[in-house]
Amino acid sequence: MRSGVTHPGRGPHRPDPVIRRATARDARRLTRLVRMSRAYEGPYAPMVAGYRVGPDYIEAHRVFVAADPADGRVLGFYALILQPPELDLMFVADDAQGLGIGRLLIGHLREEAGRAGLTAVRIVAHPPAEDFYRTVGAERVGTVRADPPAVMWDRPELLLPVGR
């Protein structure tokens, strides 16, 4: 199936990215994606400065990557925690932003959560990402207050229904 998603430098009508379960081999690439994210520049930089997505994390949680089918490059990923149901991490590579990768990952997350019997997933969002989550159907339910020194700013708390 062709989606019409345009990948940088590759023209339209590329096949959709492949979503697969992350493996321990992906740990370094996922860590690099988190640490290099432009969304965490400036005042947000300390949050990811020493962050690591380790093989142990990947083994313990449902972590999925969206990969380019042509070269296997990781375009984005998410981590779903089942107890309690929460989207723990979601990142899209800077050069893949705006190509529908985030929406593709959210669609997969909903399928995965539904298979696990969940009806909704909590999201504590990076403040600049709130609008994205709202456009995919998440509803704001509160605010998670700053918790210095780990997190220096308040974050929106949202609930993503799974059945929609």
C-alpha atoms as a PDB file:
ATOM      1  CA  MET A   1       0.000   0.000   0.000  1.00  0.00           C
ATOM      2  CA  ARG A   2       1.330   3.425  -0.903  1.00  0.00           C
ATOM      3  CA  SER A   3       0.558   6.317   1.378  1.00  0.00           C
ATOM      4  CA  GLY A   4       1.802   9.306  -0.509  1.00  0.00           C
ATOM      5  CA  VAL A   5       3.979  10.192   2.479  1.00  0.00           C
ATOM      6  CA  THR A   6       6.941  12.207   1.237  1.00  0.00           C
ATOM      7  CA  HIS A   7      10.273  11.419   2.822  1.00  0.00           C
ATOM      8  CA  PRO A   8      13.026  14.043   2.664  1.00  0.00           C
ATOM      9  CA  GLY A   9      14.942  13.768  -0.588  1.00  0.00           C
ATOM     10  CA  ARG A  10      12.961  10.767  -1.766  1.00  0.00           C
ATOM     11  CA  GLY A  11       9.871  11.981  -3.618  1.00  0.00           C
ATOM     12  CA  PRO A  12       6.228  11.036  -3.045  1.00  0.00           C
ATOM     13  CA  HIS A  13       4.629   7.593  -3.018  1.00  0.00           C
ATOM     14  CA  ARG A  14       7.106   5.855  -0.794  1.00  0.00           C
ATOM     15  CA  PRO A  15       5.750   2.855   1.071  1.00  0.00           C
ATOM     16  CA  ASP A  16       4.556   3.532   4.599  1.00  0.00           C
ATOM     17  CA  PRO A  17       7.151   3.144   7.318  1.00  0.00           C
ATOM     18  CA  VAL A  18       7.272  -0.289   8.879  1.00  0.00           C
ATOM     19  CA  ILE A  19       6.299  -0.402  12.534  1.00  0.00           C
ATOM     20  CA  ARG A  20       8.088  -3.132  14.438  1.00  0.00           C
ATOM     21  CA  ARG A  21       8.893  -4.051  17.993  1.00  0.00           C
ATOM     22  CA  ALA A  22      12.134  -2.453  19.145  1.00  0.00           C
ATOM     23  CA  THR A  23      15.015  -4.728  20.060  1.00  0.00           C
ATOM     24  CA  ALA A  24      18.010  -4.254  22.323  1.00  0.00           C
ATOM     25  CA  ARG A  25      20.006  -3.406  19.174  1.00  0.00           C
ATOM     26  CA  ASP A  26      17.885  -0.262  18.763  1.00  0.00           C
ATOM     27  CA  ALA A  27      18.861   1.165  22.168  1.00  0.00           C
ATOM     28  CA  ARG A  28      21.661   3.436  20.944  1.00  0.00           C
ATOM     29  CA  ARG A  29      19.618   4.784  18.018  1.00  0.00           C
ATOM     30  CA  LEU A  30      16.621   5.521  20.253  1.00  0.00           C
ATOM     31  CA  THR A  31      18.833   7.209  22.831  1.00  0.00           C
ATOM     32  CA  ARG A  32      20.398   9.355  20.102  1.00  0.00           C
ATOM     33  CA  LEU A  33      16.945  10.291  18.750  1.00  0.00           C
ATOM     34  CA  VAL A  34      15.876  11.470  22.229  1.00  0.00           C
ATOM     35  CA  ARG A  35      19.060  13.392  22.997  1.00  0.00           C
ATOM     36  CA  MET A  36      19.248  15.076  19.589  1.00  0.00           C
ATOM     37  CA  SER A  37      15.591  16.156  19.459  1.00  0.00           C
ATOM     38  CA  ARG A  38      15.177  19.850  18.673  1.00  0.00           C
ATOM     39  CA  ALA A  39      12.033  19.779  20.838  1.00  0.00           C
ATOM     40  CA  TYR A  40      14.355  19.588  23.842  1.00  0.00           C
ATOM     41  CA  GLU A  41      16.651  22.492  23.068  1.00  0.00           C
ATOM     42  CA  GLY A  42      17.051  25.571  25.225  1.00  0.00           C
ATOM     43  CA  PRO A  43      15.363  25.390  28.617  1.00  0.00           C
ATOM     44  CA  TYR A  44      14.243  21.785  27.962  1.00  0.00           C
ATOM     45  CA  ALA A  45      17.764  20.483  27.207  1.00  0.00           C
ATOM     46  CA  PRO A  46      18.608  19.345  30.766  1.00  0.00           C
ATOM     47  CA  MET A  47      15.630  16.949  30.687  1.00  0.00           C
ATOM     48  CA  VAL A  48      17.274  14.722  28.047  1.00  0.00           C
ATOM     49  CA  ALA A  49      20.974  15.534  28.528  1.00  0.00           C
ATOM     50  CA  GLY A  50      21.792  12.248  30.218  1.00  0.00           C
ATOM     51  CA  TYR A  51      18.734  10.290  29.087  1.00  0.00           C
ATOM     52  CA  ARG A  52      19.260   6.723  27.977  1.00  0.00           C
ATOM     53  CA  VAL A  53      16.892   4.235  26.356  1.00  0.00           C
ATOM     54  CA  GLY A  54      18.654   1.055  27.403  1.00  0.00           C
ATOM     55  CA  PRO A  55      18.210  -2.539  26.280  1.00  0.00           C
ATOM     56  CA  ASP A  56      16.676  -3.293  29.693  1.00  0.00           C
ATOM     57  CA  TYR A  57      14.001  -0.621  29.144  1.00  0.00           C
ATOM     58  CA  ILE A  58      13.207  -2.011  25.685  1.00  0.00           C
ATOM     59  CA  GLU A  59      12.894  -5.521  27.083  1.00  0.00           C
ATOM     60  CA  ALA A  60      10.653  -4.419  29.972  1.00  0.00           C
ATOM     61  CA  HIS A  61       8.180  -2.299  27.973  1.00  0.00           C
ATOM     62  CA  ARG A  62       6.281  -2.295  24.702  1.00  0.00           C
ATOM     63  CA  VAL A  63       8.579  -0.174  22.584  1.00  0.00           C
ATOM     64  CA  PHE A  64       7.855   0.144  18.865  1.00  0.00           C
ATOM     65  CA  VAL A  65       9.780   1.898  16.110  1.00  0.00           C
ATOM     66  CA  ALA A  66       8.651   3.322  12.779  1.00  0.00           C
ATOM     67  CA  ALA A  67      11.410   2.479  10.312  1.00  0.00           C
ATOM     68  CA  ASP A  68      11.968   3.459   6.703  1.00  0.00           C
ATOM     69  CA  PRO A  69      11.370   0.260   4.684  1.00  0.00           C
ATOM     70  CA  ALA A  70      14.095   1.199   2.194  1.00  0.00           C
ATOM     71  CA  ASP A  71      17.018   1.586   4.570  1.00  0.00           C
ATOM     72  CA  GLY A  72      15.752   0.636   8.040  1.00  0.00           C
ATOM     73  CA  ARG A  73      16.382   4.137   9.438  1.00  0.00           C
ATOM     74  CA  VAL A  74      14.411   4.797  12.618  1.00  0.00           C
ATOM     75  CA  LEU A  75      11.969   7.638  11.930  1.00  0.00           C
ATOM     76  CA  GLY A  76      10.315   7.583  15.353  1.00  0.00           C
ATOM     77  CA  PHE A  77       9.313   5.412  18.287  1.00  0.00           C
ATOM     78  CA  TYR A  78       6.997   5.126  21.251  1.00  0.00           C
ATOM     79  CA  ALA A  79       6.910   3.215  24.528  1.00  0.00           C
ATOM     80  CA  LEU A  80       3.658   1.999  26.043  1.00  0.00           C
ATOM     81  CA  ILE A  81       3.467   1.152  29.736  1.00  0.00           C
ATOM     82  CA  LEU A  82       0.562  -1.165  30.558  1.00  0.00           C
ATOM     83  CA  GLN A  83       0.339  -0.782  34.350  1.00  0.00           C
ATOM     84  CA  PRO A  84      -0.792   1.905  34.757  1.00  0.00           C
ATOM     85  CA  PRO A  85      -1.588   2.602  31.083  1.00  0.00           C
ATOM     86  CA  GLU A  86       0.680   5.424  29.926  1.00  0.00           C
ATOM     87  CA  LEU A  87       2.553   6.626  26.873  1.00  0.00           C
ATOM     88  CA  ASP A  88       5.999   6.879  28.435  1.00  0.00           C
ATOM     89  CA  LEU A  89       8.002   8.088  25.436  1.00  0.00           C
ATOM     90  CA  MET A  90       7.246   9.207  21.901  1.00  0.00           C
ATOM     91  CA  PHE A  91       9.752  10.831  19.591  1.00  0.00           C
ATOM     92  CA  VAL A  92       9.863  11.489  15.853  1.00  0.00           C
ATOM     93  CA  ALA A  93      13.188  12.259  14.170  1.00  0.00           C
ATOM     94  CA  ASP A  94      13.572  15.968  13.444  1.00  0.00           C
ATOM     95  CA  ASP A  95      13.888  15.398   9.682  1.00  0.00           C
ATOM     96  CA  ALA A  96      10.760  13.205   9.676  1.00  0.00           C
ATOM     97  CA  GLN A  97       8.522  15.750  11.434  1.00  0.00           C
ATOM     98  CA  GLY A  98       5.390  16.688   9.506  1.00  0.00           C
ATOM     99  CA  LEU A  99       5.327  13.481   7.452  1.00  0.00           C
ATOM    100  CA  GLY A 100       2.604  11.694   9.412  1.00  0.00           C
ATOM    101  CA  ILE A 101       4.972   9.511  11.434  1.00  0.00           C
ATOM    102  CA  GLY A 102       3.517  10.693  14.771  1.00  0.00           C
ATOM    103  CA  ARG A 103      -0.033   9.939  13.622  1.00  0.00           C
ATOM    104  CA  LEU A 104       1.080   6.538  12.363  1.00  0.00           C
ATOM    105  CA  LEU A 105       2.657   5.767  15.751  1.00  0.00           C
ATOM    106  CA  ILE A 106      -0.468   6.933  17.628  1.00  0.00           C
ATOM    107  CA  GLY A 107      -2.614   4.691  15.420  1.00  0.00           C
ATOM    108  CA  HIS A 108      -0.364   1.754  16.233  1.00  0.00           C
ATOM    109  CA  LEU A 109      -0.375   2.659  19.924  1.00  0.00           C
ATOM    110  CA  ARG A 110      -4.184   2.560  19.922  1.00  0.00           C
ATOM    111  CA  GLU A 111      -4.167  -0.877  18.271  1.00  0.00           C
ATOM    112  CA  GLU A 112      -1.591  -2.189  20.727  1.00  0.00           C
ATOM    113  CA  ALA A 113      -3.460  -0.734  23.712  1.00  0.00           C
ATOM    114  CA  GLY A 114      -6.730  -2.198  22.451  1.00  0.00           C
ATOM    115  CA  ARG A 115      -5.154  -5.659  22.114  1.00  0.00           C
ATOM    116  CA  ALA A 116      -4.003  -5.306  25.731  1.00  0.00           C
ATOM    117  CA  GLY A 117      -7.595  -4.551  26.812  1.00  0.00           C
ATOM    118  CA  LEU A 118      -7.006  -0.876  27.618  1.00  0.00           C
ATOM    119  CA  THR A 119      -9.698   1.744  27.064  1.00  0.00           C
ATOM    120  CA  ALA A 120      -7.485   4.829  27.427  1.00  0.00           C
ATOM    121  CA  VAL A 121      -3.830   5.761  27.777  1.00  0.00           C
ATOM    122  CA  ARG A 122      -2.480   8.590  29.946  1.00  0.00           C
ATOM    123  CA  ILE A 123      -0.051  11.023  28.363  1.00  0.00           C
ATOM    124  CA  VAL A 124       2.056  13.473  30.356  1.00  0.00           C
ATOM    125  CA  ALA A 125       3.196  15.601  27.455  1.00  0.00           C
ATOM    126  CA  HIS A 126       6.148  17.788  26.703  1.00  0.00           C
ATOM    127  CA  PRO A 127       4.392  21.200  26.695  1.00  0.00           C
ATOM    128  CA  PRO A 128       5.090  21.977  23.006  1.00  0.00           C
ATOM    129  CA  ALA A 129       3.602  18.575  22.023  1.00  0.00           C
ATOM    130  CA  GLU A 130       0.193  19.141  23.632  1.00  0.00           C
ATOM    131  CA  ASP A 131      -1.424  20.431  20.435  1.00  0.00           C
ATOM    132  CA  PHE A 132      -0.295  17.346  18.508  1.00  0.00           C
ATOM    133  CA  TYR A 133      -1.821  14.992  21.073  1.00  0.00           C
ATOM    134  CA  ARG A 134      -5.050  16.972  21.058  1.00  0.00           C
ATOM    135  CA  THR A 135      -5.288  16.724  17.259  1.00  0.00           C
ATOM    136  CA  VAL A 136      -5.122  12.922  17.489  1.00  0.00           C
ATOM    137  CA  GLY A 137      -7.975  12.804  20.002  1.00  0.00           C
ATOM    138  CA  ALA A 138      -6.354  13.145  23.413  1.00  0.00           C
ATOM    139  CA  GLU A 139      -8.259  15.237  25.932  1.00  0.00           C
ATOM    140  CA  ARG A 140      -6.619  17.386  28.576  1.00  0.00           C
ATOM    141  CA  VAL A 141      -7.496  16.166  32.063  1.00  0.00           C
ATOM    142  CA  GLY A 142      -5.072  18.129  34.217  1.00  0.00           C
ATOM    143  CA  THR A 143      -1.573  19.399  34.828  1.00  0.00           C
ATOM    144  CA  VAL A 144       1.396  17.582  36.299  1.00  0.00           C
ATOM    145  CA  ARG A 145       3.323  20.100  38.367  1.00  0.00           C
ATOM    146  CA  ALA A 146       7.049  20.657  38.023  1.00  0.00           C
ATOM    147  CA  ASP A 147       9.220  18.327  40.072  1.00  0.00           C
ATOM    148  CA  PRO A 148      12.661  19.977  40.367  1.00  0.00           C
ATOM    149  CA  PRO A 149      15.375  19.104  39.715  1.00  0.00           C
ATOM    150  CA  ALA A 150      14.156  16.321  37.367  1.00  0.00           C
ATOM    151  CA  VAL A 151      11.479  18.384  35.604  1.00  0.00           C
ATOM    152  CA  MET A 152      11.513  22.158  35.913  1.00  0.00           C
ATOM    153  CA  TRP A 153       8.167  22.953  34.242  1.00  0.00           C
ATOM    154  CA  ASP A 154       4.508  22.011  34.501  1.00  0.00           C
ATOM    155  CA  ARG A 155       3.300  19.490  31.909  1.00  0.00           C
ATOM    156  CA  PRO A 156      -0.154  18.885  30.439  1.00  0.00           C
ATOM    157  CA  GLU A 157      -1.815  15.610  31.420  1.00  0.00           C
ATOM    158  CA  LEU A 158      -3.988  14.106  28.711  1.00  0.00           C
ATOM    159  CA  LEU A 159      -6.072  10.992  28.209  1.00  0.00           C
ATOM    160  CA  LEU A 160      -6.070   9.265  24.815  1.00  0.00           C
ATOM    161  CA  PRO A 161      -9.157   7.110  24.258  1.00  0.00           C
ATOM    162  CA  VAL A 162      -8.276   3.792  22.660  1.00  0.00           C
ATOM    163  CA  GLY A 163     -11.628   2.973  21.074  1.00  0.00           C
ATOM    164  CA  ARG A 164     -11.687   5.955  18.675  1.00  0.00           C
END
